[in-house]
Amino acid sequence: MRVIFIVLLVFVVSCSKTTKYPDYFTTVSGYMNSYVKTVLKDNSKLADSFFKKAEKQLLLADDNCNLARIYIKRFFVEEEFNQNSLFYLEKASVFANLSDCDEEKKIIDGLLMLKLDTEIVNKFYNYYFNYLKSGNENNLLTFLKKDEVPDYVKSKVFRMLAEDNFMKSLEKSEYYINQAYQIDSFNSYSIYLLKDLNIMYKICEKKGEVCDNLEKRKTMLQEVIKK
């Protein structure tokens, strides 16, 4: 399955036209931020507890559209390293179908490559789906420059671009993976760092360079993650 990258930058009241956000949004947002930080630092048990707390808040509010969104976000965060991550899209679909969650349904269809809808309200989805159709990186890269874009989102998009350019331009591929690596190293996102090092090693090999140190770094990080 083609890796798809989506982002939940803010909680949108998808089922209502009101512009005032409920109080529980702040609580849910805090739990989800903690979930992201802990799961990417290889603490899946603690991360799951944060996610369940966020889910409970939304269940108590009968907020099915944002329940769909947090499961979409969980898929986004984990799909590179969790073989069972499609389960989260299935859960997202269940919640999206319980209420009038048209935006979430379109996102899920895009993730499953059923339909790439470029009329989605969130600009990121427009940019990303347009990138899938045209291969034009410009709008996507412009989006990454926005201050509100979380680091883990930037990391994943840069890593995707590194992979996509691997056969076309090693120079661009190396640039993008270095961007991802800097972000992940700064944040101690060890799970993503291992992905970065794997791509850096592939680039090093393709360039015909000596890659012993990269291999040692990969091995050391992998051993720590396994403990």
Foldseek 3Di string as FASTA:
>chain_A
DDQAADDPLADDQQQDPDPDDDPCRVVLVVLLVVLLLCVLLLNNVSSVVSNVVSLVSCVVVLRLLVQLVSLVVQLNSPVVPDPPSVVSLVSSVVSCVVGVNVLSVQVSCVRVVNDQDLPRPDNQSNQRSVCVVPVDCVVVVVVVPDPSDDLSSLLVVLCSQLVVCVVPDLVSNVVSLVSSCVSCVVSVSLNSNLVSLVSVLVSCVVVVHDCVVSVVVSVVSVVVSVD
